[in-house]
Amino acid sequence: MTTWMRARRVGGQRGFTLIEIFVALAVLGVLLAVALPRYLGSRRTVLVTEADEVLQELKIAAWQHYQEHSTWATVPTGVPMPSGTFGFTPPGGACWTFGVTTAAADQIVFRAQANTAGRPVCVLLPAGATVDLTVSSDGSSLRVQSGL
């Protein structure tokens, strides 16, 4: 240790030097620059998984209805799905709005559209992001996402 450092510490002065504080802030900045994008990306993945799970539940309810009635329920298209359609109620507080885009005799298309005005975490989704699930009368389905 140099003489001036000994003299400073013997004199009773305590604390950090300005350089030590800058180094600590630089290290924290690098850690945040590496960790924050990964964290936000994983949060977005969780939100997309939330939409997928609700669409799968909706697919099961709609398919059960189709097997009982040999037709898709008459639901309004292009608007948020009324609660109780196919005996299914979408979860409250979700970052997605669920609806039916088309309903034909042989297939139905469900859409989950990002609702960025919901919970604060919903702002991680781009405006206009959608996940579509097409269910055919033979039981097959096709999932397409856009804007993510």
N, C-alpha and C. Protein backbone atom coordinates (compact mmCIF):
# COMPACT_ATOMS: atom_id res chain seq x y z
N MET A 1 0.84 -1.17 0.00
CA MET A 1 0.00 0.00 0.00
C MET A 1 0.89 1.24 0.00
N THR A 2 0.50 2.23 -0.73
CA THR A 2 1.31 3.44 -0.79
C THR A 2 1.12 4.28 0.46
N THR A 3 1.97 5.21 0.63
CA THR A 3 1.97 6.04 1.84
C THR A 3 0.70 6.87 1.93
N TRP A 4 0.23 7.41 0.84
CA TRP A 4 -0.95 8.28 0.92
C TRP A 4 -2.21 7.48 1.25
N MET A 5 -2.28 6.16 0.83
CA MET A 5 -3.42 5.34 1.19
C MET A 5 -3.42 5.01 2.66
N ARG A 6 -2.23 4.73 3.22
CA ARG A 6 -2.14 4.46 4.65
C ARG A 6 -2.55 5.70 5.43
N ALA A 7 -2.08 6.81 5.00
CA ALA A 7 -2.39 8.04 5.73
C ALA A 7 -3.88 8.33 5.68
N ARG A 8 -4.49 8.06 4.55
CA ARG A 8 -5.93 8.31 4.42
C ARG A 8 -6.73 7.40 5.34
N ARG A 9 -6.39 6.13 5.38
CA ARG A 9 -7.14 5.19 6.21
C ARG A 9 -6.85 5.38 7.67
N VAL A 10 -5.66 5.74 8.03
CA VAL A 10 -5.33 5.99 9.43
C VAL A 10 -6.07 7.23 9.92
N GLY A 11 -6.30 8.16 9.04
CA GLY A 11 -6.96 9.39 9.42
C GLY A 11 -8.44 9.21 9.71
N GLY A 12 -8.98 8.02 9.54
CA GLY A 12 -10.37 7.76 9.87
C GLY A 12 -11.35 7.96 8.72
N GLN A 13 -10.88 8.32 7.55
CA GLN A 13 -11.79 8.49 6.43
C GLN A 13 -12.16 7.12 5.88
N ARG A 14 -13.45 6.92 5.66
CA ARG A 14 -13.93 5.65 5.12
C ARG A 14 -14.78 5.93 3.89
N GLY A 15 -14.93 4.91 3.08
CA GLY A 15 -15.77 5.06 1.90
C GLY A 15 -15.08 4.54 0.66
N PHE A 16 -15.75 4.77 -0.47
CA PHE A 16 -15.24 4.31 -1.74
C PHE A 16 -14.73 5.50 -2.53
N THR A 17 -13.76 5.24 -3.35
CA THR A 17 -13.29 6.29 -4.24
C THR A 17 -14.22 6.37 -5.43
N LEU A 18 -14.15 7.46 -6.13
CA LEU A 18 -14.99 7.67 -7.29
C LEU A 18 -14.71 6.62 -8.37
N ILE A 19 -13.47 6.24 -8.53
CA ILE A 19 -13.11 5.23 -9.53
C ILE A 19 -13.72 3.87 -9.16
N GLU A 20 -13.70 3.51 -7.89
CA GLU A 20 -14.29 2.24 -7.46
C GLU A 20 -15.79 2.21 -7.74
N ILE A 21 -16.45 3.32 -7.53
CA ILE A 21 -17.89 3.40 -7.81
C ILE A 21 -18.15 3.27 -9.30
N PHE A 22 -17.34 3.94 -10.14
CA PHE A 22 -17.51 3.84 -11.58
C PHE A 22 -17.27 2.42 -12.08
N VAL A 23 -16.28 1.75 -11.54
CA VAL A 23 -16.01 0.37 -11.94
C VAL A 23 -17.18 -0.53 -11.57
N ALA A 24 -17.73 -0.36 -10.36
CA ALA A 24 -18.88 -1.18 -9.94
C ALA A 24 -20.08 -0.92 -10.84
N LEU A 25 -20.33 0.35 -11.18
CA LEU A 25 -21.44 0.66 -12.07
C LEU A 25 -21.22 0.10 -13.48
N ALA A 26 -19.99 0.11 -13.95
CA ALA A 26 -19.69 -0.45 -15.27
C ALA A 26 -19.93 -1.96 -15.28
N VAL A 27 -19.53 -2.64 -14.23
CA VAL A 27 -19.76 -4.08 -14.15
C VAL A 27 -21.26 -4.37 -14.11
N LEU A 28 -22.02 -3.62 -13.33
CA LEU A 28 -23.47 -3.81 -13.28
C LEU A 28 -24.11 -3.52 -14.64
N GLY A 29 -23.62 -2.50 -15.33
CA GLY A 29 -24.15 -2.19 -16.65
C GLY A 29 -23.93 -3.31 -17.65
N VAL A 30 -22.76 -3.92 -17.61
CA VAL A 30 -22.47 -5.03 -18.52
C VAL A 30 -23.36 -6.22 -18.18
N LEU A 31 -23.51 -6.52 -16.91
CA LEU A 31 -24.38 -7.63 -16.50
C LEU A 31 -25.82 -7.39 -16.95
N LEU A 32 -26.32 -6.18 -16.78
CA LEU A 32 -27.68 -5.87 -17.22
C LEU A 32 -27.80 -5.96 -18.74
N ALA A 33 -26.80 -5.50 -19.45
CA ALA A 33 -26.85 -5.55 -20.91
C ALA A 33 -26.90 -6.99 -21.43
N VAL A 34 -26.32 -7.91 -20.69
CA VAL A 34 -26.34 -9.31 -21.10
C VAL A 34 -27.62 -10.00 -20.62
N ALA A 35 -28.02 -9.75 -19.40
CA ALA A 35 -29.12 -10.50 -18.79
C ALA A 35 -30.51 -9.99 -19.18
N LEU A 36 -30.69 -8.70 -19.33
CA LEU A 36 -32.02 -8.14 -19.56
C LEU A 36 -32.66 -8.62 -20.87
N PRO A 37 -31.97 -8.62 -22.00
CA PRO A 37 -32.61 -9.13 -23.22
C PRO A 37 -33.03 -10.60 -23.12
N ARG A 38 -32.20 -11.40 -22.45
CA ARG A 38 -32.57 -12.82 -22.28
C ARG A 38 -33.81 -12.95 -21.42
N TYR A 39 -33.90 -12.14 -20.36
CA TYR A 39 -35.06 -12.19 -19.47
C TYR A 39 -36.32 -11.76 -20.22
N LEU A 40 -36.25 -10.66 -20.95
CA LEU A 40 -37.43 -10.19 -21.67
C LEU A 40 -37.84 -11.16 -22.76
N GLY A 41 -36.87 -11.80 -23.42
CA GLY A 41 -37.19 -12.80 -24.43
C GLY A 41 -37.90 -14.01 -23.84
N SER A 42 -37.48 -14.42 -22.66
CA SER A 42 -38.15 -15.56 -22.02
C SER A 42 -39.54 -15.18 -21.57
N ARG A 43 -39.75 -13.93 -21.15
CA ARG A 43 -41.09 -13.48 -20.77
C ARG A 43 -42.02 -13.49 -21.99
N ARG A 44 -41.50 -13.07 -23.15
CA ARG A 44 -42.32 -13.07 -24.36
C ARG A 44 -42.68 -14.51 -24.74
N THR A 45 -41.73 -15.43 -24.60
CA THR A 45 -42.01 -16.84 -24.88
C THR A 45 -43.11 -17.38 -23.97
N VAL A 46 -43.08 -16.98 -22.72
CA VAL A 46 -44.12 -17.41 -21.78
C VAL A 46 -45.48 -16.87 -22.21
N LEU A 47 -45.53 -15.64 -22.68
CA LEU A 47 -46.80 -15.06 -23.11
C LEU A 47 -47.35 -15.78 -24.35
N VAL A 48 -46.48 -16.14 -25.28
CA VAL A 48 -46.93 -16.88 -26.46
C VAL A 48 -47.41 -18.27 -26.06
N THR A 49 -46.74 -18.89 -25.10
CA THR A 49 -47.16 -20.20 -24.61
C THR A 49 -48.53 -20.10 -23.94
N GLU A 50 -48.79 -18.99 -23.26
CA GLU A 50 -50.10 -18.77 -22.66
C GLU A 50 -51.19 -18.79 -23.73
N ALA A 51 -50.96 -18.11 -24.85
CA ALA A 51 -51.93 -18.10 -25.94
C ALA A 51 -52.11 -19.50 -26.51
N ASP A 52 -51.00 -20.23 -26.70
CA ASP A 52 -51.08 -21.58 -27.23
C ASP A 52 -51.92 -22.49 -26.34
N GLU A 53 -51.71 -22.40 -25.04
CA GLU A 53 -52.44 -23.27 -24.12
C GLU A 53 -53.94 -22.98 -24.14
N VAL A 54 -54.29 -21.69 -24.17
CA VAL A 54 -55.72 -21.34 -24.21
C VAL A 54 -56.33 -21.79 -25.53
N LEU A 55 -55.61 -21.61 -26.63
CA LEU A 55 -56.13 -22.06 -27.92
C LEU A 55 -56.29 -23.57 -27.96
N GLN A 56 -55.40 -24.31 -27.33
CA GLN A 56 -55.54 -25.78 -27.29
C GLN A 56 -56.77 -26.18 -26.48
N GLU A 57 -57.01 -25.48 -25.36
CA GLU A 57 -58.21 -25.77 -24.57
C GLU A 57 -59.46 -25.45 -25.39
N LEU A 58 -59.42 -24.35 -26.11
CA LEU A 58 -60.54 -23.96 -26.96
C LEU A 58 -60.75 -24.97 -28.07
N LYS A 59 -59.66 -25.48 -28.63
CA LYS A 59 -59.75 -26.51 -29.67
C LYS A 59 -60.46 -27.75 -29.15
N ILE A 60 -60.11 -28.18 -27.95
CA ILE A 60 -60.73 -29.37 -27.37
C ILE A 60 -62.22 -29.14 -27.15
N ALA A 61 -62.58 -27.97 -26.60
CA ALA A 61 -64.00 -27.67 -26.37
C ALA A 61 -64.76 -27.59 -27.68
N ALA A 62 -64.17 -26.96 -28.71
CA ALA A 62 -64.85 -26.84 -30.00
C ALA A 62 -64.98 -28.20 -30.67
N TRP A 63 -63.94 -29.03 -30.56
CA TRP A 63 -63.99 -30.35 -31.19
C TRP A 63 -65.05 -31.23 -30.53
N GLN A 64 -65.18 -31.14 -29.21
CA GLN A 64 -66.24 -31.89 -28.52
C GLN A 64 -67.61 -31.42 -29.00
N HIS A 65 -67.76 -30.13 -29.16
CA HIS A 65 -69.03 -29.60 -29.66
C HIS A 65 -69.30 -30.09 -31.08
N TYR A 66 -68.27 -30.12 -31.92
CA TYR A 66 -68.45 -30.58 -33.30
C TYR A 66 -68.84 -32.05 -33.34
N GLN A 67 -68.25 -32.87 -32.49
CA GLN A 67 -68.59 -34.29 -32.48
C GLN A 67 -70.01 -34.54 -32.01
N GLU A 68 -70.51 -33.69 -31.12
CA GLU A 68 -71.89 -33.86 -30.64
C GLU A 68 -72.91 -33.33 -31.64
N HIS A 69 -72.60 -32.21 -32.32
CA HIS A 69 -73.59 -31.54 -33.16
C HIS A 69 -73.29 -31.58 -34.66
N SER A 70 -72.15 -32.13 -35.06
CA SER A 70 -71.72 -32.21 -36.46
C SER A 70 -71.67 -30.85 -37.15
N THR A 71 -71.46 -29.81 -36.38
CA THR A 71 -71.30 -28.47 -36.94
C THR A 71 -70.58 -27.60 -35.92
N TRP A 72 -69.95 -26.57 -36.44
CA TRP A 72 -69.33 -25.61 -35.52
C TRP A 72 -70.43 -24.69 -35.02
N ALA A 73 -70.31 -24.24 -33.81
CA ALA A 73 -71.32 -23.34 -33.26
C ALA A 73 -71.37 -22.06 -34.08
N THR A 74 -72.52 -21.48 -34.15
CA THR A 74 -72.66 -20.21 -34.84
C THR A 74 -72.20 -19.11 -33.90
N VAL A 75 -71.02 -18.64 -34.15
CA VAL A 75 -70.46 -17.58 -33.30
C VAL A 75 -70.12 -16.40 -34.19
N PRO A 76 -70.23 -15.21 -33.64
CA PRO A 76 -69.84 -14.05 -34.45
C PRO A 76 -68.35 -14.10 -34.79
N THR A 77 -68.01 -13.73 -35.99
CA THR A 77 -66.60 -13.72 -36.39
C THR A 77 -66.07 -12.29 -36.38
N GLY A 78 -64.77 -12.18 -36.13
CA GLY A 78 -64.12 -10.89 -36.17
C GLY A 78 -64.29 -10.05 -34.91
N VAL A 79 -64.91 -10.59 -33.88
CA VAL A 79 -65.08 -9.88 -32.61
C VAL A 79 -64.57 -10.78 -31.49
N PRO A 80 -64.29 -10.21 -30.31
CA PRO A 80 -63.89 -11.08 -29.20
C PRO A 80 -64.96 -12.14 -28.92
N MET A 81 -64.49 -13.33 -28.61
CA MET A 81 -65.38 -14.46 -28.41
C MET A 81 -66.28 -14.24 -27.18
N PRO A 82 -67.58 -14.42 -27.35
CA PRO A 82 -68.46 -14.32 -26.19
C PRO A 82 -68.13 -15.40 -25.16
N SER A 83 -68.19 -15.05 -23.90
CA SER A 83 -67.90 -16.00 -22.84
C SER A 83 -68.90 -17.15 -22.89
N GLY A 84 -68.41 -18.35 -22.74
CA GLY A 84 -69.27 -19.53 -22.74
C GLY A 84 -69.44 -20.18 -24.10
N THR A 85 -68.79 -19.63 -25.15
CA THR A 85 -68.86 -20.26 -26.47
C THR A 85 -68.20 -21.63 -26.38
N PHE A 86 -68.87 -22.64 -26.86
CA PHE A 86 -68.42 -24.03 -26.77
C PHE A 86 -68.26 -24.46 -25.31
N GLY A 87 -68.89 -23.77 -24.39
CA GLY A 87 -68.73 -24.09 -22.97
C GLY A 87 -67.37 -23.68 -22.44
N PHE A 88 -66.76 -22.73 -23.08
CA PHE A 88 -65.41 -22.32 -22.72
C PHE A 88 -65.39 -20.83 -22.40
N THR A 89 -64.69 -20.48 -21.33
CA THR A 89 -64.51 -19.09 -20.96
C THR A 89 -63.02 -18.79 -20.91
N PRO A 90 -62.53 -17.87 -21.75
CA PRO A 90 -61.10 -17.54 -21.71
C PRO A 90 -60.71 -16.97 -20.34
N PRO A 91 -59.47 -17.15 -19.94
CA PRO A 91 -59.05 -16.66 -18.63
C PRO A 91 -59.08 -15.13 -18.57
N GLY A 92 -59.40 -14.62 -17.40
CA GLY A 92 -59.40 -13.17 -17.22
C GLY A 92 -57.99 -12.66 -17.02
N GLY A 93 -57.76 -11.42 -17.40
CA GLY A 93 -56.46 -10.80 -17.20
C GLY A 93 -55.38 -11.28 -18.14
N ALA A 94 -55.77 -12.00 -19.19
CA ALA A 94 -54.77 -12.50 -20.12
C ALA A 94 -54.27 -11.37 -21.01
N CYS A 95 -53.13 -11.58 -21.59
CA CYS A 95 -52.56 -10.59 -22.53
C CYS A 95 -53.09 -10.79 -23.93
N TRP A 96 -54.09 -11.63 -24.07
CA TRP A 96 -54.62 -11.97 -25.39
C TRP A 96 -56.12 -11.80 -25.40
N THR A 97 -56.65 -11.44 -26.57
CA THR A 97 -58.08 -11.43 -26.82
C THR A 97 -58.35 -12.57 -27.79
N PHE A 98 -59.33 -13.41 -27.45
CA PHE A 98 -59.61 -14.60 -28.25
C PHE A 98 -60.88 -14.39 -29.04
N GLY A 99 -60.87 -14.89 -30.27
CA GLY A 99 -62.04 -14.78 -31.12
C GLY A 99 -62.00 -15.78 -32.25
N VAL A 100 -63.05 -15.77 -33.06
CA VAL A 100 -63.15 -16.65 -34.22
C VAL A 100 -63.05 -15.76 -35.45
N THR A 101 -62.10 -16.08 -36.34
CA THR A 101 -61.97 -15.26 -37.56
C THR A 101 -62.85 -15.79 -38.68
N THR A 102 -62.91 -17.12 -38.85
CA THR A 102 -63.81 -17.71 -39.84
C THR A 102 -64.40 -19.00 -39.27
N ALA A 103 -65.63 -19.26 -39.64
CA ALA A 103 -66.29 -20.50 -39.24
C ALA A 103 -67.03 -21.03 -40.47
N ALA A 104 -66.54 -22.12 -41.03
CA ALA A 104 -67.16 -22.75 -42.20
C ALA A 104 -67.66 -24.13 -41.78
N ALA A 105 -68.24 -24.84 -42.73
CA ALA A 105 -68.77 -26.16 -42.43
C ALA A 105 -67.67 -27.15 -42.07
N ASP A 106 -66.49 -27.01 -42.69
CA ASP A 106 -65.44 -28.00 -42.49
C ASP A 106 -64.27 -27.52 -41.63
N GLN A 107 -64.23 -26.25 -41.27
CA GLN A 107 -63.15 -25.78 -40.41
C GLN A 107 -63.53 -24.49 -39.69
N ILE A 108 -62.80 -24.23 -38.63
CA ILE A 108 -62.99 -23.00 -37.87
C ILE A 108 -61.60 -22.47 -37.51
N VAL A 109 -61.45 -21.16 -37.52
CA VAL A 109 -60.16 -20.54 -37.23
C VAL A 109 -60.31 -19.68 -35.99
N PHE A 110 -59.55 -20.03 -34.96
CA PHE A 110 -59.52 -19.26 -33.73
C PHE A 110 -58.30 -18.33 -33.77
N ARG A 111 -58.45 -17.14 -33.22
CA ARG A 111 -57.34 -16.19 -33.21
C ARG A 111 -57.15 -15.64 -31.80
N ALA A 112 -55.88 -15.64 -31.40
CA ALA A 112 -55.48 -14.94 -30.18
C ALA A 112 -54.73 -13.70 -30.63
N GLN A 113 -55.23 -12.54 -30.25
CA GLN A 113 -54.60 -11.28 -30.66
C GLN A 113 -54.04 -10.60 -29.42
N ALA A 114 -52.81 -10.08 -29.55
CA ALA A 114 -52.14 -9.42 -28.42
C ALA A 114 -52.97 -8.24 -27.92
N ASN A 115 -53.13 -8.19 -26.61
CA ASN A 115 -53.84 -7.09 -25.96
C ASN A 115 -52.83 -6.37 -25.09
N THR A 116 -52.15 -5.39 -25.66
CA THR A 116 -51.06 -4.72 -24.94
C THR A 116 -51.56 -3.75 -23.88
N ALA A 117 -52.87 -3.55 -23.78
CA ALA A 117 -53.41 -2.64 -22.77
C ALA A 117 -53.74 -3.38 -21.47
N GLY A 118 -53.43 -4.66 -21.41
CA GLY A 118 -53.73 -5.46 -20.22
C GLY A 118 -52.72 -5.25 -19.12
N ARG A 119 -52.21 -6.34 -18.60
CA ARG A 119 -51.22 -6.29 -17.53
C ARG A 119 -49.96 -5.57 -18.03
N PRO A 120 -49.18 -5.00 -17.10
CA PRO A 120 -47.96 -4.31 -17.53
C PRO A 120 -47.00 -5.19 -18.32
N VAL A 121 -46.97 -6.48 -18.03
CA VAL A 121 -46.05 -7.37 -18.75
C VAL A 121 -46.47 -7.56 -20.20
N CYS A 122 -47.71 -7.22 -20.53
CA CYS A 122 -48.21 -7.40 -21.89
C CYS A 122 -47.53 -6.49 -22.90
N VAL A 123 -46.88 -5.43 -22.43
CA VAL A 123 -46.20 -4.54 -23.37
C VAL A 123 -45.01 -5.22 -24.04
N LEU A 124 -44.63 -6.40 -23.57
CA LEU A 124 -43.55 -7.16 -24.21
C LEU A 124 -43.99 -7.73 -25.56
N LEU A 125 -45.30 -7.80 -25.77
CA LEU A 125 -45.82 -8.31 -27.04
C LEU A 125 -45.95 -7.17 -28.04
N PRO A 126 -45.54 -7.38 -29.28
CA PRO A 126 -45.71 -6.34 -30.28
C PRO A 126 -47.19 -6.13 -30.59
N ALA A 127 -47.57 -4.89 -30.82
CA ALA A 127 -48.96 -4.61 -31.19
C ALA A 127 -49.28 -5.32 -32.50
N GLY A 128 -50.41 -5.95 -32.57
CA GLY A 128 -50.81 -6.66 -33.77
C GLY A 128 -50.33 -8.10 -33.85
N ALA A 129 -49.64 -8.57 -32.82
CA ALA A 129 -49.18 -9.97 -32.82
C ALA A 129 -50.39 -10.89 -32.71
N THR A 130 -50.38 -11.96 -33.49
CA THR A 130 -51.50 -12.91 -33.46
C THR A 130 -50.99 -14.35 -33.49
N VAL A 131 -51.81 -15.23 -32.95
CA VAL A 131 -51.60 -16.67 -33.05
C VAL A 131 -52.92 -17.25 -33.54
N ASP A 132 -52.91 -17.88 -34.71
CA ASP A 132 -54.12 -18.48 -35.29
C ASP A 132 -54.05 -19.99 -35.16
N LEU A 133 -55.19 -20.58 -34.88
CA LEU A 133 -55.30 -22.04 -34.81
C LEU A 133 -56.49 -22.44 -35.67
N THR A 134 -56.20 -23.16 -36.75
CA THR A 134 -57.23 -23.65 -37.66
C THR A 134 -57.55 -25.09 -37.29
N VAL A 135 -58.82 -25.37 -36.99
CA VAL A 135 -59.26 -26.71 -36.64
C VAL A 135 -60.17 -27.21 -37.76
N SER A 136 -59.83 -28.36 -38.33
CA SER A 136 -60.61 -28.93 -39.42
C SER A 136 -61.59 -29.97 -38.88
N SER A 137 -62.57 -30.29 -39.69
CA SER A 137 -63.60 -31.25 -39.27
C SER A 137 -63.04 -32.66 -39.12
N ASP A 138 -61.85 -32.94 -39.68
CA ASP A 138 -61.25 -34.26 -39.51
C ASP A 138 -60.41 -34.35 -38.23
N GLY A 139 -60.37 -33.27 -37.45
CA GLY A 139 -59.64 -33.29 -36.18
C GLY A 139 -58.23 -32.73 -36.26
N SER A 140 -57.76 -32.44 -37.46
CA SER A 140 -56.41 -31.89 -37.58
C SER A 140 -56.43 -30.39 -37.26
N SER A 141 -55.27 -29.88 -36.95
CA SER A 141 -55.19 -28.45 -36.66
C SER A 141 -53.87 -27.90 -37.18
N LEU A 142 -53.84 -26.60 -37.40
CA LEU A 142 -52.67 -25.90 -37.89
C LEU A 142 -52.52 -24.61 -37.10
N ARG A 143 -51.34 -24.38 -36.56
CA ARG A 143 -51.06 -23.19 -35.77
C ARG A 143 -50.14 -22.27 -36.56
N VAL A 144 -50.52 -21.00 -36.65
CA VAL A 144 -49.72 -20.00 -37.36
C VAL A 144 -49.63 -18.76 -36.49
N GLN A 145 -48.39 -18.27 -36.30
CA GLN A 145 -48.23 -17.03 -35.53
C GLN A 145 -47.65 -15.96 -36.44
N SER A 146 -48.03 -14.73 -36.19
CA SER A 146 -47.50 -13.63 -36.99
C SER A 146 -47.25 -12.42 -36.08
N GLY A 147 -46.30 -11.64 -36.46
CA GLY A 147 -45.99 -10.43 -35.72
C GLY A 147 -45.19 -10.66 -34.46
N LEU A 148 -44.71 -11.86 -34.24
CA LEU A 148 -43.92 -12.15 -33.03
C LEU A 148 -42.46 -12.29 -33.34
